[in-house]
């Protein structure tokens, strides 16, 4: 059984250009399992063929200029951590996602 995810990015996988489901659906979501995505069309968790921007170095400020954020939702607490491109790390926020 795959390991449960503790957090997920606020933006969907398509923003990060992660590979779609083999059925062709690009509107996938983060799965409850690490390393997997969820396809609402097929109703299944799957491992994408590639991980888009995560497969290479990610220039954080360039990504921010393109509208990509690495803000994440902490599942257990419901908190949001905002990614600070100056400090290159997450800062916990009490704001709702």
PDB file of N, CA and C in Angstrom:
ATOM      1  N   UNK A   1       0.849  -1.186   0.000  1.00  0.00           N
ATOM      2  CA  UNK A   1       0.000   0.000   0.000  1.00  0.00           C
ATOM      3  C   UNK A   1       0.887   1.240   0.000  1.00  0.00           C
ATOM      4  N   UNK A   2       0.626   2.189  -0.888  1.00  0.00           N
ATOM      5  CA  UNK A   2       1.426   3.421  -0.925  1.00  0.00           C
ATOM      6  C   UNK A   2       1.282   4.230   0.367  1.00  0.00           C
ATOM      7  N   UNK A   3       2.279   5.051   0.629  1.00  0.00           N
ATOM      8  CA  UNK A   3       2.295   5.896   1.820  1.00  0.00           C
ATOM      9  C   UNK A   3       1.322   7.065   1.649  1.00  0.00           C
ATOM     10  N   UNK A   4       0.584   7.384   2.711  1.00  0.00           N
ATOM     11  CA  UNK A   4      -0.373   8.496   2.677  1.00  0.00           C
ATOM     12  C   UNK A   4       0.355   9.827   2.600  1.00  0.00           C
ATOM     13  N   UNK A   5      -0.214  10.732   1.857  1.00  0.00           N
ATOM     14  CA  UNK A   5       0.318  12.079   1.690  1.00  0.00           C
ATOM     15  C   UNK A   5       0.008  12.898   2.943  1.00  0.00           C
ATOM     16  N   UNK A   6       0.954  13.714   3.389  1.00  0.00           N
ATOM     17  CA  UNK A   6       0.751  14.591   4.549  1.00  0.00           C
ATOM     18  C   UNK A   6       0.340  15.993   4.127  1.00  0.00           C
ATOM     19  N   UNK A   7       0.660  16.355   2.887  1.00  0.00           N
ATOM     20  CA  UNK A   7       0.322  17.671   2.351  1.00  0.00           C
ATOM     21  C   UNK A   7       0.201  17.567   0.840  1.00  0.00           C
ATOM     22  N   UNK A   8      -0.392  18.609   0.247  1.00  0.00           N
ATOM     23  CA  UNK A   8      -0.457  18.688  -1.211  1.00  0.00           C
ATOM     24  C   UNK A   8      -0.377  20.153  -1.617  1.00  0.00           C
ATOM     25  N   UNK A   9       0.069  20.397  -2.825  1.00  0.00           N
ATOM     26  CA  UNK A   9       0.136  21.762  -3.326  1.00  0.00           C
ATOM     27  C   UNK A   9      -1.269  22.308  -3.514  1.00  0.00           C
ATOM     28  N   UNK A  10      -1.432  23.619  -3.351  1.00  0.00           N
ATOM     29  CA  UNK A  10      -2.735  24.241  -3.540  1.00  0.00           C
ATOM     30  C   UNK A  10      -3.123  24.262  -5.019  1.00  0.00           C
ATOM     31  N   UNK A  11      -2.155  24.429  -5.907  1.00  0.00           N
ATOM     32  CA  UNK A  11      -2.449  24.422  -7.333  1.00  0.00           C
ATOM     33  C   UNK A  11      -2.503  22.977  -7.833  1.00  0.00           C
ATOM     34  N   UNK A  12      -3.351  22.701  -8.817  1.00  0.00           N
ATOM     35  CA  UNK A  12      -3.487  21.331  -9.320  1.00  0.00           C
ATOM     36  C   UNK A  12      -2.263  20.878 -10.122  1.00  0.00           C
ATOM     37  N   UNK A  13      -2.109  19.575 -10.312  1.00  0.00           N
ATOM     38  CA  UNK A  13      -0.950  19.029 -11.025  1.00  0.00           C
ATOM     39  C   UNK A  13      -0.736  19.623 -12.420  1.00  0.00           C
ATOM     40  N   UNK A  14      -1.782  19.966 -13.128  1.00  0.00           N
ATOM     41  CA  UNK A  14      -1.643  20.498 -14.490  1.00  0.00           C
ATOM     42  C   UNK A  14      -0.846  21.800 -14.505  1.00  0.00           C
ATOM     43  N   UNK A  15      -0.934  22.603 -13.453  1.00  0.00           N
ATOM     44  CA  UNK A  15      -0.170  23.854 -13.380  1.00  0.00           C
ATOM     45  C   UNK A  15       1.329  23.563 -13.436  1.00  0.00           C
ATOM     46  N   UNK A  16       1.729  22.458 -12.830  1.00  0.00           N
ATOM     47  CA  UNK A  16       3.135  22.064 -12.784  1.00  0.00           C
ATOM     48  C   UNK A  16       3.527  21.203 -13.992  1.00  0.00           C
ATOM     49  N   UNK A  17       2.599  21.052 -14.937  1.00  0.00           N
ATOM     50  CA  UNK A  17       2.795  20.265 -16.152  1.00  0.00           C
ATOM     51  C   UNK A  17       3.128  18.807 -15.877  1.00  0.00           C
ATOM     52  N   UNK A  18       2.547  18.264 -14.802  1.00  0.00           N
ATOM     53  CA  UNK A  18       2.687  16.843 -14.498  1.00  0.00           C
ATOM     54  C   UNK A  18       1.872  16.072 -15.539  1.00  0.00           C
ATOM     55  N   UNK A  19       2.370  14.929 -15.963  1.00  0.00           N
ATOM     56  CA  UNK A  19       1.715  14.137 -17.014  1.00  0.00           C
ATOM     57  C   UNK A  19       0.266  13.816 -16.654  1.00  0.00           C
ATOM     58  N   UNK A  20      -0.599  13.824 -17.654  1.00  0.00           N
ATOM     59  CA  UNK A  20      -2.007  13.485 -17.426  1.00  0.00           C
ATOM     60  C   UNK A  20      -2.187  11.982 -17.224  1.00  0.00           C
ATOM     61  N   UNK A  21      -3.400  11.606 -16.957  1.00  0.00           N
ATOM     62  CA  UNK A  21      -3.753  10.182 -16.848  1.00  0.00           C
ATOM     63  C   UNK A  21      -3.606   9.541 -18.234  1.00  0.00           C
ATOM     64  N   UNK A  22      -3.388   8.249 -18.261  1.00  0.00           N
ATOM     65  CA  UNK A  22      -3.244   7.551 -19.544  1.00  0.00           C
ATOM     66  C   UNK A  22      -4.519   7.638 -20.389  1.00  0.00           C
ATOM     67  N   UNK A  23      -5.658   7.972 -19.769  1.00  0.00           N
ATOM     68  CA  UNK A  23      -6.903   8.142 -20.525  1.00  0.00           C
ATOM     69  C   UNK A  23      -6.909   9.477 -21.274  1.00  0.00           C
ATOM     70  N   UNK A  24      -5.923  10.359 -20.972  1.00  0.00           N
ATOM     71  CA  UNK A  24      -5.832  11.651 -21.626  1.00  0.00           C
ATOM     72  C   UNK A  24      -6.367  12.807 -20.801  1.00  0.00           C
ATOM     73  N   UNK A  25      -6.936  12.521 -19.646  1.00  0.00           N
ATOM     74  CA  UNK A  25      -7.490  13.564 -18.788  1.00  0.00           C
ATOM     75  C   UNK A  25      -6.368  14.384 -18.153  1.00  0.00           C
ATOM     76  N   UNK A  26      -6.356  15.684 -18.424  1.00  0.00           N
ATOM     77  CA  UNK A  26      -5.367  16.600 -17.845  1.00  0.00           C
ATOM     78  C   UNK A  26      -5.874  17.223 -16.549  1.00  0.00           C
ATOM     79  N   UNK A  27      -7.155  17.061 -16.251  1.00  0.00           N
ATOM     80  CA  UNK A  27      -7.761  17.671 -15.068  1.00  0.00           C
ATOM     81  C   UNK A  27      -7.674  16.714 -13.876  1.00  0.00           C
ATOM     82  N   UNK A  28      -6.450  16.351 -13.525  1.00  0.00           N
ATOM     83  CA  UNK A  28      -6.236  15.424 -12.411  1.00  0.00           C
ATOM     84  C   UNK A  28      -6.047  16.207 -11.118  1.00  0.00           C
ATOM     85  N   UNK A  29      -6.061  15.508 -10.014  1.00  0.00           N
ATOM     86  CA  UNK A  29      -5.891  16.113  -8.696  1.00  0.00           C
ATOM     87  C   UNK A  29      -4.799  15.348  -7.954  1.00  0.00           C
ATOM     88  N   UNK A  30      -4.335  15.928  -6.849  1.00  0.00           N
ATOM     89  CA  UNK A  30      -3.354  15.234  -6.019  1.00  0.00           C
ATOM     90  C   UNK A  30      -4.058  14.071  -5.342  1.00  0.00           C
ATOM     91  N   UNK A  31      -3.472  12.908  -5.403  1.00  0.00           N
ATOM     92  CA  UNK A  31      -4.006  11.719  -4.753  1.00  0.00           C
ATOM     93  C   UNK A  31      -3.755  11.797  -3.253  1.00  0.00           C
ATOM     94  N   UNK A  32      -4.437  10.957  -2.514  1.00  0.00           N
ATOM     95  CA  UNK A  32      -4.159  10.868  -1.079  1.00  0.00           C
ATOM     96  C   UNK A  32      -2.847  10.123  -0.821  1.00  0.00           C
ATOM     97  N   UNK A  33      -2.255   9.552  -1.880  1.00  0.00           N
ATOM     98  CA  UNK A  33      -1.018   8.794  -1.748  1.00  0.00           C
ATOM     99  C   UNK A  33       0.156   9.538  -2.376  1.00  0.00           C
ATOM    100  N   UNK A  34       1.304   9.510  -1.711  1.00  0.00           N
ATOM    101  CA  UNK A  34       2.522  10.153  -2.211  1.00  0.00           C
ATOM    102  C   UNK A  34       2.896   9.567  -3.571  1.00  0.00           C
ATOM    103  N   UNK A  35       3.324  10.444  -4.478  1.00  0.00           N
ATOM    104  CA  UNK A  35       3.784  10.005  -5.788  1.00  0.00           C
ATOM    105  C   UNK A  35       2.676   9.648  -6.763  1.00  0.00           C
ATOM    106  N   UNK A  36       1.424   9.824  -6.352  1.00  0.00           N
ATOM    107  CA  UNK A  36       0.285   9.469  -7.190  1.00  0.00           C
ATOM    108  C   UNK A  36      -0.593  10.694  -7.456  1.00  0.00           C
ATOM    109  N   UNK A  37      -1.367  10.601  -8.536  1.00  0.00           N
ATOM    110  CA  UNK A  37      -2.418  11.568  -8.828  1.00  0.00           C
ATOM    111  C   UNK A  37      -3.740  10.823  -8.868  1.00  0.00           C
ATOM    112  N   UNK A  38      -4.837  11.568  -8.818  1.00  0.00           N
ATOM    113  CA  UNK A  38      -6.179  10.997  -8.881  1.00  0.00           C
ATOM    114  C   UNK A  38      -6.832  11.452 -10.184  1.00  0.00           C
ATOM    115  N   UNK A  39      -7.377  10.507 -10.942  1.00  0.00           N
ATOM    116  CA  UNK A  39      -8.112  10.830 -12.160  1.00  0.00           C
ATOM    117  C   UNK A  39      -9.604  10.700 -11.864  1.00  0.00           C
ATOM    118  N   UNK A  40     -10.345  11.810 -11.872  1.00  0.00           N
ATOM    119  CA  UNK A  40     -11.776  11.728 -11.604  1.00  0.00           C
ATOM    120  C   UNK A  40     -12.560  11.048 -12.731  1.00  0.00           C
ATOM    121  N   UNK A  41     -11.999  11.010 -13.938  1.00  0.00           N
ATOM    122  CA  UNK A  41     -12.661  10.335 -15.059  1.00  0.00           C
ATOM    123  C   UNK A  41     -12.600   8.813 -14.878  1.00  0.00           C
ATOM    124  N   UNK A  42     -11.397   8.309 -14.582  1.00  0.00           N
ATOM    125  CA  UNK A  42     -11.189   6.864 -14.412  1.00  0.00           C
ATOM    126  C   UNK A  42     -11.501   6.389 -12.995  1.00  0.00           C
ATOM    127  N   UNK A  43     -11.583   7.350 -12.072  1.00  0.00           N
ATOM    128  CA  UNK A  43     -11.799   7.042 -10.648  1.00  0.00           C
ATOM    129  C   UNK A  43     -10.682   6.139 -10.117  1.00  0.00           C
ATOM    130  N   UNK A  44      -9.426   6.574 -10.393  1.00  0.00           N
ATOM    131  CA  UNK A  44      -8.297   5.767  -9.922  1.00  0.00           C
ATOM    132  C   UNK A  44      -7.108   6.651  -9.584  1.00  0.00           C
ATOM    133  N   UNK A  45      -6.261   6.123  -8.704  1.00  0.00           N
ATOM    134  CA  UNK A  45      -4.970   6.728  -8.406  1.00  0.00           C
ATOM    135  C   UNK A  45      -3.990   6.171  -9.422  1.00  0.00           C
ATOM    136  N   UNK A  46      -3.067   7.011  -9.870  1.00  0.00           N
ATOM    137  CA  UNK A  46      -2.069   6.536 -10.825  1.00  0.00           C
ATOM    138  C   UNK A  46      -0.752   7.276 -10.610  1.00  0.00           C
ATOM    139  N   UNK A  47       0.333   6.657 -11.075  1.00  0.00           N
ATOM    140  CA  UNK A  47       1.652   7.286 -11.036  1.00  0.00           C
ATOM    141  C   UNK A  47       1.859   7.929 -12.397  1.00  0.00           C
ATOM    142  N   UNK A  48       2.067   9.259 -12.438  1.00  0.00           N
ATOM    143  CA  UNK A  48       2.226   9.929 -13.731  1.00  0.00           C
ATOM    144  C   UNK A  48       3.511   9.505 -14.444  1.00  0.00           C
ATOM    145  N   UNK A  49       3.474   9.585 -15.773  1.00  0.00           N
ATOM    146  CA  UNK A  49       4.635   9.206 -16.599  1.00  0.00           C
ATOM    147  C   UNK A  49       5.819  10.136 -16.364  1.00  0.00           C
ATOM    148  N   UNK A  50       5.557  11.403 -16.050  1.00  0.00           N
ATOM    149  CA  UNK A  50       6.628  12.328 -15.683  1.00  0.00           C
ATOM    150  C   UNK A  50       6.054  13.355 -14.715  1.00  0.00           C
ATOM    151  N   UNK A  51       6.945  14.041 -14.021  1.00  0.00           N
ATOM    152  CA  UNK A  51       6.528  14.965 -12.970  1.00  0.00           C
ATOM    153  C   UNK A  51       6.668  16.439 -13.356  1.00  0.00           C
ATOM    154  N   UNK A  52       6.631  16.721 -14.642  1.00  0.00           N
ATOM    155  CA  UNK A  52       6.637  18.105 -15.106  1.00  0.00           C
ATOM    156  C   UNK A  52       7.809  18.899 -14.557  1.00  0.00           C
ATOM    157  N   UNK A  53       7.533  20.082 -14.008  1.00  0.00           N
ATOM    158  CA  UNK A  53       8.611  20.952 -13.516  1.00  0.00           C
ATOM    159  C   UNK A  53       9.400  20.320 -12.380  1.00  0.00           C
ATOM    160  N   UNK A  54       8.836  19.334 -11.713  1.00  0.00           N
ATOM    161  CA  UNK A  54       9.530  18.688 -10.605  1.00  0.00           C
ATOM    162  C   UNK A  54      10.631  17.740 -11.072  1.00  0.00           C
ATOM    163  N   UNK A  55      10.712  17.476 -12.363  1.00  0.00           N
ATOM    164  CA  UNK A  55      11.758  16.600 -12.906  1.00  0.00           C
ATOM    165  C   UNK A  55      13.090  17.313 -13.098  1.00  0.00           C
ATOM    166  N   UNK A  56      13.118  18.604 -12.909  1.00  0.00           N
ATOM    167  CA  UNK A  56      14.367  19.330 -13.122  1.00  0.00           C
ATOM    168  C   UNK A  56      14.536  20.421 -12.097  1.00  0.00           C
ATOM    169  N   UNK A  57      15.597  21.184 -12.226  1.00  0.00           N
ATOM    170  CA  UNK A  57      15.774  22.307 -11.306  1.00  0.00           C
ATOM    171  C   UNK A  57      14.626  23.300 -11.494  1.00  0.00           C
ATOM    172  N   UNK A  58      14.190  23.871 -10.386  1.00  0.00           N
ATOM    173  CA  UNK A  58      13.068  24.800 -10.424  1.00  0.00           C
ATOM    174  C   UNK A  58      13.538  26.173  -9.960  1.00  0.00           C
ATOM    175  N   UNK A  59      13.679  27.128 -10.865  1.00  0.00           N
ATOM    176  CA  UNK A  59      14.009  28.488 -10.431  1.00  0.00           C
ATOM    177  C   UNK A  59      12.761  29.108  -9.786  1.00  0.00           C
ATOM    178  N   UNK A  60      12.764  29.213  -8.468  1.00  0.00           N
ATOM    179  CA  UNK A  60      11.577  29.613  -7.718  1.00  0.00           C
ATOM    180  C   UNK A  60      11.032  30.974  -8.125  1.00  0.00           C
ATOM    181  N   UNK A  61      11.900  31.954  -8.315  1.00  0.00           N
ATOM    182  CA  UNK A  61      11.407  33.283  -8.691  1.00  0.00           C
ATOM    183  C   UNK A  61      10.836  33.278 -10.105  1.00  0.00           C
ATOM    184  N   UNK A  62      11.443  32.537 -11.016  1.00  0.00           N
ATOM    185  CA  UNK A  62      10.904  32.425 -12.369  1.00  0.00           C
ATOM    186  C   UNK A  62       9.530  31.748 -12.329  1.00  0.00           C
ATOM    187  N   UNK A  63       9.423  30.683 -11.556  1.00  0.00           N
ATOM    188  CA  UNK A  63       8.133  30.002 -11.414  1.00  0.00           C
ATOM    189  C   UNK A  63       7.076  30.979 -10.895  1.00  0.00           C
ATOM    190  N   UNK A  64       7.429  31.781  -9.903  1.00  0.00           N
ATOM    191  CA  UNK A  64       6.492  32.770  -9.355  1.00  0.00           C
ATOM    192  C   UNK A  64       6.067  33.766 -10.427  1.00  0.00           C
ATOM    193  N   UNK A  65       7.009  34.194 -11.285  1.00  0.00           N
ATOM    194  CA  UNK A  65       6.680  35.113 -12.372  1.00  0.00           C
ATOM    195  C   UNK A  65       5.724  34.488 -13.383  1.00  0.00           C
ATOM    196  N   UNK A  66       5.736  33.171 -13.485  1.00  0.00           N
ATOM    197  CA  UNK A  66       4.838  32.451 -14.387  1.00  0.00           C
ATOM    198  C   UNK A  66       3.503  32.107 -13.718  1.00  0.00           C
ATOM    199  N   UNK A  67       3.337  32.510 -12.454  1.00  0.00           N
ATOM    200  CA  UNK A  67       2.089  32.242 -11.740  1.00  0.00           C
ATOM    201  C   UNK A  67       2.055  30.907 -11.024  1.00  0.00           C
ATOM    202  N   UNK A  68       3.188  30.238 -10.956  1.00  0.00           N
ATOM    203  CA  UNK A  68       3.265  28.954 -10.259  1.00  0.00           C
ATOM    204  C   UNK A  68       3.678  29.221  -8.821  1.00  0.00           C
ATOM    205  N   UNK A  69       2.899  28.711  -7.895  1.00  0.00           N
ATOM    206  CA  UNK A  69       3.266  28.832  -6.488  1.00  0.00           C
ATOM    207  C   UNK A  69       3.476  27.438  -5.915  1.00  0.00           C
ATOM    208  N   UNK A  70       4.280  27.374  -4.891  1.00  0.00           N
ATOM    209  CA  UNK A  70       4.531  26.097  -4.227  1.00  0.00           C
ATOM    210  C   UNK A  70       3.870  26.082  -2.847  1.00  0.00           C
ATOM    211  N   UNK A  71       2.840  26.916  -2.693  1.00  0.00           N
ATOM    212  CA  UNK A  71       2.074  26.930  -1.452  1.00  0.00           C
ATOM    213  C   UNK A  71       1.431  25.563  -1.277  1.00  0.00           C
ATOM    214  N   UNK A  72       1.351  25.121  -0.031  1.00  0.00           N
ATOM    215  CA  UNK A  72       0.816  23.782   0.200  1.00  0.00           C
ATOM    216  C   UNK A  72      -0.166  23.745   1.361  1.00  0.00           C
ATOM    217  N   UNK A  73      -1.034  22.761   1.294  1.00  0.00           N
ATOM    218  CA  UNK A  73      -2.075  22.540   2.285  1.00  0.00           C
ATOM    219  C   UNK A  73      -1.660  21.363   3.165  1.00  0.00           C
ATOM    220  N   UNK A  74      -1.630  21.586   4.485  1.00  0.00           N
ATOM    221  CA  UNK A  74      -1.279  20.517   5.420  1.00  0.00           C
ATOM    222  C   UNK A  74      -2.569  19.787   5.777  1.00  0.00           C
ATOM    223  N   UNK A  75      -2.678  18.551   5.375  1.00  0.00           N
ATOM    224  CA  UNK A  75      -3.929  17.804   5.480  1.00  0.00           C
ATOM    225  C   UNK A  75      -4.400  17.639   6.919  1.00  0.00           C
ATOM    226  N   UNK A  76      -3.522  17.244   7.819  1.00  0.00           N
ATOM    227  CA  UNK A  76      -3.916  16.951   9.205  1.00  0.00           C
ATOM    228  C   UNK A  76      -4.437  18.183   9.938  1.00  0.00           C
ATOM    229  N   UNK A  77      -3.811  19.331   9.727  1.00  0.00           N
ATOM    230  CA  UNK A  77      -4.170  20.530  10.490  1.00  0.00           C
ATOM    231  C   UNK A  77      -5.075  21.493   9.734  1.00  0.00           C
ATOM    232  N   UNK A  78      -5.141  21.352   8.408  1.00  0.00           N
ATOM    233  CA  UNK A  78      -5.925  22.273   7.602  1.00  0.00           C
ATOM    234  C   UNK A  78      -5.243  23.619   7.394  1.00  0.00           C
ATOM    235  N   UNK A  79      -3.975  23.698   7.769  1.00  0.00           N
ATOM    236  CA  UNK A  79      -3.227  24.940   7.616  1.00  0.00           C
ATOM    237  C   UNK A  79      -2.613  25.034   6.225  1.00  0.00           C
ATOM    238  N   UNK A  80      -2.297  26.262   5.842  1.00  0.00           N
ATOM    239  CA  UNK A  80      -1.633  26.523   4.574  1.00  0.00           C
ATOM    240  C   UNK A  80      -0.233  27.029   4.872  1.00  0.00           C
ATOM    241  N   UNK A  81       0.734  26.505   4.134  1.00  0.00           N
ATOM    242  CA  UNK A  81       2.098  27.011   4.211  1.00  0.00           C
ATOM    243  C   UNK A  81       2.395  27.703   2.889  1.00  0.00           C
ATOM    244  N   UNK A  82       2.748  28.976   2.973  1.00  0.00           N
ATOM    245  CA  UNK A  82       3.076  29.763   1.786  1.00  0.00           C
ATOM    246  C   UNK A  82       4.570  29.607   1.505  1.00  0.00           C
ATOM    247  N   UNK A  83       4.910  29.462   0.229  1.00  0.00           N
ATOM    248  CA  UNK A  83       6.313  29.323  -0.146  1.00  0.00           C
ATOM    249  C   UNK A  83       6.909  30.707  -0.333  1.00  0.00           C
ATOM    250  N   UNK A  84       7.977  30.981   0.384  1.00  0.00           N
ATOM    251  CA  UNK A  84       8.662  32.266   0.323  1.00  0.00           C
ATOM    252  C   UNK A  84       9.838  32.136  -0.649  1.00  0.00           C
ATOM    253  N   UNK A  85       9.735  32.800  -1.802  1.00  0.00           N
ATOM    254  CA  UNK A  85      10.781  32.677  -2.825  1.00  0.00           C
ATOM    255  C   UNK A  85      12.073  33.377  -2.434  1.00  0.00           C
ATOM    256  N   UNK A  86      12.026  34.252  -1.453  1.00  0.00           N
ATOM    257  CA  UNK A  86      13.253  34.923  -0.998  1.00  0.00           C
ATOM    258  C   UNK A  86      14.042  34.022  -0.039  1.00  0.00           C
ATOM    259  N   UNK A  87      13.310  33.359   0.870  1.00  0.00           N
ATOM    260  CA  UNK A  87      13.951  32.465   1.846  1.00  0.00           C
ATOM    261  C   UNK A  87      14.056  31.030   1.335  1.00  0.00           C
ATOM    262  N   UNK A  88      13.368  30.743   0.226  1.00  0.00           N
ATOM    263  CA  UNK A  88      13.309  29.395  -0.349  1.00  0.00           C
ATOM    264  C   UNK A  88      12.846  28.365   0.676  1.00  0.00           C
ATOM    265  N   UNK A  89      11.718  28.665   1.296  1.00  0.00           N
ATOM    266  CA  UNK A  89      11.138  27.752   2.272  1.00  0.00           C
ATOM    267  C   UNK A  89       9.688  28.101   2.551  1.00  0.00           C
ATOM    268  N   UNK A  90       9.023  27.234   3.293  1.00  0.00           N
ATOM    269  CA  UNK A  90       7.612  27.420   3.598  1.00  0.00           C
ATOM    270  C   UNK A  90       7.420  28.175   4.903  1.00  0.00           C
ATOM    271  N   UNK A  91       6.391  29.009   4.919  1.00  0.00           N
ATOM    272  CA  UNK A  91       6.024  29.787   6.096  1.00  0.00           C
ATOM    273  C   UNK A  91       4.581  29.442   6.411  1.00  0.00           C
ATOM    274  N   UNK A  92       4.348  28.980   7.618  1.00  0.00           N
ATOM    275  CA  UNK A  92       3.002  28.573   8.008  1.00  0.00           C
ATOM    276  C   UNK A  92       2.102  29.788   8.112  1.00  0.00           C
ATOM    277  N   UNK A  93       0.890  29.646   7.618  1.00  0.00           N
ATOM    278  CA  UNK A  93      -0.099  30.717   7.612  1.00  0.00           C
ATOM    279  C   UNK A  93      -1.358  30.218   8.288  1.00  0.00           C
ATOM    280  N   UNK A  94      -2.082  31.108   8.932  1.00  0.00           N
ATOM    281  CA  UNK A  94      -3.366  30.718   9.539  1.00  0.00           C
ATOM    282  C   UNK A  94      -4.518  30.991   8.586  1.00  0.00           C
ATOM    283  N   UNK A  95      -4.219  31.525   7.387  1.00  0.00           N
ATOM    284  CA  UNK A  95      -5.262  31.768   6.400  1.00  0.00           C
ATOM    285  C   UNK A  95      -5.808  30.451   5.870  1.00  0.00           C
ATOM    286  N   UNK A  96      -7.057  30.456   5.481  1.00  0.00           N
ATOM    287  CA  UNK A  96      -7.646  29.267   4.837  1.00  0.00           C
ATOM    288  C   UNK A  96      -7.243  29.233   3.376  1.00  0.00           C
ATOM    289  N   UNK A  97      -7.205  28.041   2.834  1.00  0.00           N
ATOM    290  CA  UNK A  97      -6.795  27.868   1.429  1.00  0.00           C
ATOM    291  C   UNK A  97      -7.794  28.437   0.476  1.00  0.00           C
TER     292      UNK A  97
END
